[in-house]
C-alpha atoms as a PDB file:
ATOM      1  CA  UNK A   1     -20.738-116.052 106.896  1.00  0.00           C
ATOM      2  CA  UNK A   2     -23.919-114.091 107.550  1.00  0.00           C
ATOM      3  CA  UNK A   3     -24.016-110.819 109.502  1.00  0.00           C
ATOM      4  CA  UNK A   4     -25.297-111.414 112.982  1.00  0.00           C
ATOM      5  CA  UNK A   5     -28.233-109.615 114.482  1.00  0.00           C
ATOM      6  CA  UNK A   6     -26.608-107.207 116.906  1.00  0.00           C
ATOM      7  CA  UNK A   7     -29.777-106.081 118.612  1.00  0.00           C
ATOM      8  CA  UNK A   8     -33.429-106.889 118.897  1.00  0.00           C
ATOM      9  CA  UNK A   9     -35.468-105.993 115.825  1.00  0.00           C
ATOM     10  CA  UNK A  10     -37.991-103.959 117.828  1.00  0.00           C
ATOM     11  CA  UNK A  11     -37.267-100.254 118.405  1.00  0.00           C
ATOM     12  CA  UNK A  12     -34.869 -99.750 121.263  1.00  0.00           C
ATOM     13  CA  UNK A  13     -35.261 -97.336 124.148  1.00  0.00           C
ATOM     14  CA  UNK A  14     -33.131 -94.210 124.407  1.00  0.00           C
ATOM     15  CA  UNK A  15     -30.667 -95.895 126.778  1.00  0.00           C
ATOM     16  CA  UNK A  16     -29.670 -98.388 124.096  1.00  0.00           C
ATOM     17  CA  UNK A  17     -30.184 -96.208 121.028  1.00  0.00           C
ATOM     18  CA  UNK A  18     -26.463 -96.098 120.244  1.00  0.00           C
ATOM     19  CA  UNK A  19     -26.194 -99.860 119.657  1.00  0.00           C
ATOM     20  CA  UNK A  20     -25.492-100.557 115.963  1.00  0.00           C
ATOM     21  CA  UNK A  21     -28.000-102.838 114.300  1.00  0.00           C
ATOM     22  CA  UNK A  22     -27.611-105.419 111.574  1.00  0.00           C
ATOM     23  CA  UNK A  23     -30.660-107.282 110.283  1.00  0.00           C
ATOM     24  CA  UNK A  24     -29.163-110.377 108.657  1.00  0.00           C
ATOM     25  CA  UNK A  25     -32.424-111.598 107.131  1.00  0.00           C
ATOM     26  CA  UNK A  26     -32.847-108.360 105.178  1.00  0.00           C
ATOM     27  CA  UNK A  27     -29.109-107.748 104.812  1.00  0.00           C
ATOM     28  CA  UNK A  28     -29.451-104.282 106.285  1.00  0.00           C
ATOM     29  CA  UNK A  29     -27.267-102.391 108.733  1.00  0.00           C
ATOM     30  CA  UNK A  30     -28.139 -99.080 110.335  1.00  0.00           C
ATOM     31  CA  UNK A  31     -26.360 -96.789 112.697  1.00  0.00           C
ATOM     32  CA  UNK A  32     -29.274 -96.007 115.055  1.00  0.00           C
ATOM     33  CA  UNK A  33     -28.277 -92.410 115.776  1.00  0.00           C
ATOM     34  CA  UNK A  34     -28.347 -90.303 112.586  1.00  0.00           C
ATOM     35  CA  UNK A  35     -25.122 -88.386 112.163  1.00  0.00           C
ATOM     36  CA  UNK A  36     -25.286 -85.568 109.642  1.00  0.00           C
ATOM     37  CA  UNK A  37     -21.478 -85.575 109.494  1.00  0.00           C
ATOM     38  CA  UNK A  38     -21.456 -89.161 108.168  1.00  0.00           C
ATOM     39  CA  UNK A  39     -21.988 -89.652 104.443  1.00  0.00           C
ATOM     40  CA  UNK A  40     -24.199 -92.743 104.971  1.00  0.00           C
ATOM     41  CA  UNK A  41     -26.339 -94.017 107.840  1.00  0.00           C
ATOM     42  CA  UNK A  42     -26.028 -97.685 106.965  1.00  0.00           C
ATOM     43  CA  UNK A  43     -25.906-100.256 104.188  1.00  0.00           C
ATOM     44  CA  UNK A  44     -28.471-102.342 102.365  1.00  0.00           C
ATOM     45  CA  UNK A  45     -27.604-105.444 100.334  1.00  0.00           C
ATOM     46  CA  UNK A  46     -30.724-106.240  98.278  1.00  0.00           C
ATOM     47  CA  UNK A  47     -31.227-109.578  96.555  1.00  0.00           C
ATOM     48  CA  UNK A  48     -32.033-107.974  93.186  1.00  0.00           C
ATOM     49  CA  UNK A  49     -32.290-104.614  91.407  1.00  0.00           C
ATOM     50  CA  UNK A  50     -36.091-104.933  91.178  1.00  0.00           C
ATOM     51  CA  UNK A  51     -37.295-101.926  93.198  1.00  0.00           C
ATOM     52  CA  UNK A  52     -40.918-103.118  93.299  1.00  0.00           C
ATOM     53  CA  UNK A  53     -39.835-106.427  94.855  1.00  0.00           C
ATOM     54  CA  UNK A  54     -37.105-105.133  97.201  1.00  0.00           C
ATOM     55  CA  UNK A  55     -38.404-101.841  98.616  1.00  0.00           C
ATOM     56  CA  UNK A  56     -41.438-103.078 100.618  1.00  0.00           C
ATOM     57  CA  UNK A  57     -39.314-105.136 103.001  1.00  0.00           C
ATOM     58  CA  UNK A  58     -36.745-102.327 103.301  1.00  0.00           C
ATOM     59  CA  UNK A  59     -39.478 -99.835 104.225  1.00  0.00           C
ATOM     60  CA  UNK A  60     -40.948-102.183 106.838  1.00  0.00           C
ATOM     61  CA  UNK A  61     -37.550-102.922 108.412  1.00  0.00           C
ATOM     62  CA  UNK A  62     -36.369 -99.307 108.563  1.00  0.00           C
ATOM     63  CA  UNK A  63     -39.713 -98.145 109.983  1.00  0.00           C
ATOM     64  CA  UNK A  64     -39.478-100.823 112.661  1.00  0.00           C
ATOM     65  CA  UNK A  65     -35.791-100.424 113.506  1.00  0.00           C
ATOM     66  CA  UNK A  66     -35.834 -96.626 113.674  1.00  0.00           C
ATOM     67  CA  UNK A  67     -39.408 -96.283 114.942  1.00  0.00           C
ATOM     68  CA  UNK A  68     -40.232 -93.883 112.099  1.00  0.00           C
ATOM     69  CA  UNK A  69     -42.662 -93.669 109.198  1.00  0.00           C
ATOM     70  CA  UNK A  70     -41.102 -93.651 105.734  1.00  0.00           C
ATOM     71  CA  UNK A  71     -42.922 -91.277 103.382  1.00  0.00           C
ATOM     72  CA  UNK A  72     -40.627 -91.176 100.353  1.00  0.00           C
ATOM     73  CA  UNK A  73     -37.643 -92.970  98.896  1.00  0.00           C
ATOM     74  CA  UNK A  74     -35.162 -91.590  96.389  1.00  0.00           C
ATOM     75  CA  UNK A  75     -33.353 -93.960  94.039  1.00  0.00           C
ATOM     76  CA  UNK A  76     -31.064 -93.530  91.033  1.00  0.00           C
ATOM     77  CA  UNK A  77     -33.126 -94.129  87.872  1.00  0.00           C
ATOM     78  CA  UNK A  78     -30.442 -95.935  85.885  1.00  0.00           C
ATOM     79  CA  UNK A  79     -29.557 -98.469  88.591  1.00  0.00           C
ATOM     80  CA  UNK A  80     -32.962 -99.895  89.506  1.00  0.00           C
ATOM     81  CA  UNK A  81     -35.490-101.892  87.493  1.00  0.00           C
ATOM     82  CA  UNK A  82     -39.278-101.927  87.898  1.00  0.00           C
ATOM     83  CA  UNK A  83     -39.434 -98.645  89.809  1.00  0.00           C
ATOM     84  CA  UNK A  84     -43.047 -97.975  90.801  1.00  0.00           C
ATOM     85  CA  UNK A  85     -44.346 -94.508  91.602  1.00  0.00           C
ATOM     86  CA  UNK A  86     -45.658 -95.717  94.971  1.00  0.00           C
ATOM     87  CA  UNK A  87     -45.091 -98.756  97.209  1.00  0.00           C
ATOM     88  CA  UNK A  88     -47.813 -99.977  99.571  1.00  0.00           C
ATOM     89  CA  UNK A  89     -46.721 -99.906 103.200  1.00  0.00           C
ATOM     90  CA  UNK A  90     -48.585-100.393 106.444  1.00  0.00           C
ATOM     91  CA  UNK A  91     -51.595 -98.081 106.139  1.00  0.00           C
ATOM     92  CA  UNK A  92     -50.082 -95.822 103.485  1.00  0.00           C
ATOM     93  CA  UNK A  93     -48.382 -95.614 100.109  1.00  0.00           C
ATOM     94  CA  UNK A  94     -44.729 -94.554 100.020  1.00  0.00           C
ATOM     95  CA  UNK A  95     -43.765 -92.317  97.100  1.00  0.00           C
ATOM     96  CA  UNK A  96     -40.721 -93.347  95.081  1.00  0.00           C
ATOM     97  CA  UNK A  97     -38.671 -90.661  93.379  1.00  0.00           C
ATOM     98  CA  UNK A  98     -36.097 -91.545  90.768  1.00  0.00           C
ATOM     99  CA  UNK A  99     -33.226 -89.290  89.890  1.00  0.00           C
ATOM    100  CA  UNK A 100     -30.129 -89.218  87.720  1.00  0.00           C
ATOM    101  CA  UNK A 101     -28.179 -86.543  89.572  1.00  0.00           C
ATOM    102  CA  UNK A 102     -27.723 -88.554  92.782  1.00  0.00           C
ATOM    103  CA  UNK A 103     -24.962 -90.995  93.614  1.00  0.00           C
ATOM    104  CA  UNK A 104     -26.064 -94.332  92.075  1.00  0.00           C
ATOM    105  CA  UNK A 105     -24.544 -96.153  95.052  1.00  0.00           C
ATOM    106  CA  UNK A 106     -27.056 -94.815  97.596  1.00  0.00           C
ATOM    107  CA  UNK A 107     -30.759 -94.786  98.368  1.00  0.00           C
ATOM    108  CA  UNK A 108     -32.431 -92.109 100.537  1.00  0.00           C
ATOM    109  CA  UNK A 109     -35.414 -92.640 102.854  1.00  0.00           C
ATOM    110  CA  UNK A 110     -37.405 -89.587 103.947  1.00  0.00           C
ATOM    111  CA  UNK A 111     -39.599 -89.718 107.040  1.00  0.00           C
ATOM    112  CA  UNK A 112     -42.558 -87.894 108.528  1.00  0.00           C
ATOM    113  CA  UNK A 113     -40.220 -86.700 111.298  1.00  0.00           C
ATOM    114  CA  UNK A 114     -36.471 -86.519 111.644  1.00  0.00           C
ATOM    115  CA  UNK A 115     -33.583 -86.397 109.227  1.00  0.00           C
ATOM    116  CA  UNK A 116     -33.482 -88.551 106.085  1.00  0.00           C
ATOM    117  CA  UNK A 117     -31.511 -91.787 106.139  1.00  0.00           C
ATOM    118  CA  UNK A 118     -28.982 -92.468 103.394  1.00  0.00           C
ATOM    119  CA  UNK A 119     -28.067 -96.100 102.771  1.00  0.00           C
ATOM    120  CA  UNK A 120     -25.134 -97.366 100.771  1.00  0.00           C
ATOM    121  CA  UNK A 121     -26.452-100.052  98.405  1.00  0.00           C
ATOM    122  CA  UNK A 122     -24.275-103.107  97.881  1.00  0.00           C
ATOM    123  CA  UNK A 123     -25.023-104.656  94.462  1.00  0.00           C
ATOM    124  CA  UNK A 124     -26.940-107.953  94.704  1.00  0.00           C
ATOM    125  CA  UNK A 125     -24.218-109.952  92.931  1.00  0.00           C
ATOM    126  CA  UNK A 126     -21.470-108.872  95.348  1.00  0.00           C
ATOM    127  CA  UNK A 127     -19.495-111.659  97.046  1.00  0.00           C
ATOM    128  CA  UNK A 128     -20.530-112.336 100.636  1.00  0.00           C
ATOM    129  CA  UNK A 129     -17.213-111.330 102.262  1.00  0.00           C
ATOM    130  CA  UNK A 130     -17.012-107.741 100.997  1.00  0.00           C
ATOM    131  CA  UNK A 131     -20.783-107.250 101.302  1.00  0.00           C
ATOM    132  CA  UNK A 132     -20.812-108.385 104.930  1.00  0.00           C
ATOM    133  CA  UNK A 133     -17.770-106.241 105.715  1.00  0.00           C
ATOM    134  CA  UNK A 134     -19.617-103.225 104.327  1.00  0.00           C
ATOM    135  CA  UNK A 135     -22.721-104.048 106.404  1.00  0.00           C
ATOM    136  CA  UNK A 136     -20.648-104.287 109.576  1.00  0.00           C
ATOM    137  CA  UNK A 137     -18.569-101.181 108.896  1.00  0.00           C
ATOM    138  CA  UNK A 138     -21.529 -98.871 108.289  1.00  0.00           C
ATOM    139  CA  UNK A 139     -23.304-100.072 111.430  1.00  0.00           C
ATOM    140  CA  UNK A 140     -20.470 -98.274 113.228  1.00  0.00           C
ATOM    141  CA  UNK A 141     -19.619 -94.583 113.226  1.00  0.00           C
ATOM    142  CA  UNK A 142     -18.294 -93.679 109.765  1.00  0.00           C
ATOM    143  CA  UNK A 143     -17.853 -89.955 110.407  1.00  0.00           C
ATOM    144  CA  UNK A 144     -15.081 -88.612 108.211  1.00  0.00           C
ATOM    145  CA  UNK A 145     -15.217 -91.496 105.738  1.00  0.00           C
ATOM    146  CA  UNK A 146     -16.368 -90.992 102.155  1.00  0.00           C
ATOM    147  CA  UNK A 147     -18.292 -93.661 100.276  1.00  0.00           C
ATOM    148  CA  UNK A 148     -15.074 -94.528  98.441  1.00  0.00           C
ATOM    149  CA  UNK A 149     -13.266 -94.873 101.806  1.00  0.00           C
ATOM    150  CA  UNK A 150     -15.970 -97.235 103.107  1.00  0.00           C
ATOM    151  CA  UNK A 151     -15.795 -99.343  99.952  1.00  0.00           C
ATOM    152  CA  UNK A 152     -11.984 -99.486 100.122  1.00  0.00           C
ATOM    153  CA  UNK A 153     -12.007-100.651 103.747  1.00  0.00           C
ATOM    154  CA  UNK A 154     -14.674-103.257 102.898  1.00  0.00           C
ATOM    155  CA  UNK A 155     -12.697-104.316  99.805  1.00  0.00           C
ATOM    156  CA  UNK A 156     -15.371-103.322  97.295  1.00  0.00           C
ATOM    157  CA  UNK A 157     -14.301-101.375  94.200  1.00  0.00           C
ATOM    158  CA  UNK A 158     -15.262 -97.661  94.444  1.00  0.00           C
ATOM    159  CA  UNK A 159     -17.286 -97.953  91.235  1.00  0.00           C
ATOM    160  CA  UNK A 160     -19.260-100.939  92.538  1.00  0.00           C
ATOM    161  CA  UNK A 161     -22.590 -99.715  91.109  1.00  0.00           C
ATOM    162  CA  UNK A 162     -23.970-101.903  88.302  1.00  0.00           C
ATOM    163  CA  UNK A 163     -23.849-100.705  84.714  1.00  0.00           C
ATOM    164  CA  UNK A 164     -26.338 -97.926  84.091  1.00  0.00           C
ATOM    165  CA  UNK A 165     -29.336 -98.598  81.869  1.00  0.00           C
ATOM    166  CA  UNK A 166     -28.459 -96.127  79.108  1.00  0.00           C
ATOM    167  CA  UNK A 167     -31.392 -96.543  76.746  1.00  0.00           C
ATOM    168  CA  UNK A 168     -34.976 -97.746  76.853  1.00  0.00           C
ATOM    169  CA  UNK A 169     -36.125-100.913  75.086  1.00  0.00           C
ATOM    170  CA  UNK A 170     -37.406 -98.815  72.152  1.00  0.00           C
ATOM    171  CA  UNK A 171     -33.937 -97.298  71.642  1.00  0.00           C
ATOM    172  CA  UNK A 172     -34.764 -93.855  73.032  1.00  0.00           C
ATOM    173  CA  UNK A 173     -32.524 -92.261  75.629  1.00  0.00           C
ATOM    174  CA  UNK A 174     -33.800 -92.432  79.182  1.00  0.00           C
END
């Protein structure tokens, strides 16, 4: 079963801004009204852990759905492969920051205006049922739920992040 598109992909007017959105082609769900009390603003289920391949379509979709301009993205260094310093986007280059002190289960998008958006990342190899349940759940209001709570409700293990890289190909610590 594939998540259904709950709204039109174009930015919505203020009267319909509270309608949750799921983009089934990108496997992305967003709660359209940022809630600083919620731990995540949505979920993204990428097809791979290749940041250079996956991030351009995420940037384009989030910019379109939220009617914002993504300037930077923060990812966990040990979880992603092929992390470029910048990703080309419509008329600009989006800076990619990689960190080790962040939760490896999330990705953060920072915009020219407005609050950042934090997305729970479902690992690419996750079974469709739990992944789709996570997409649908985070398109709703998750105020008061932790990431572990969301994963429990969606039937994903709390430690669902892939194994961390550990060392570089030359044997040195990363």
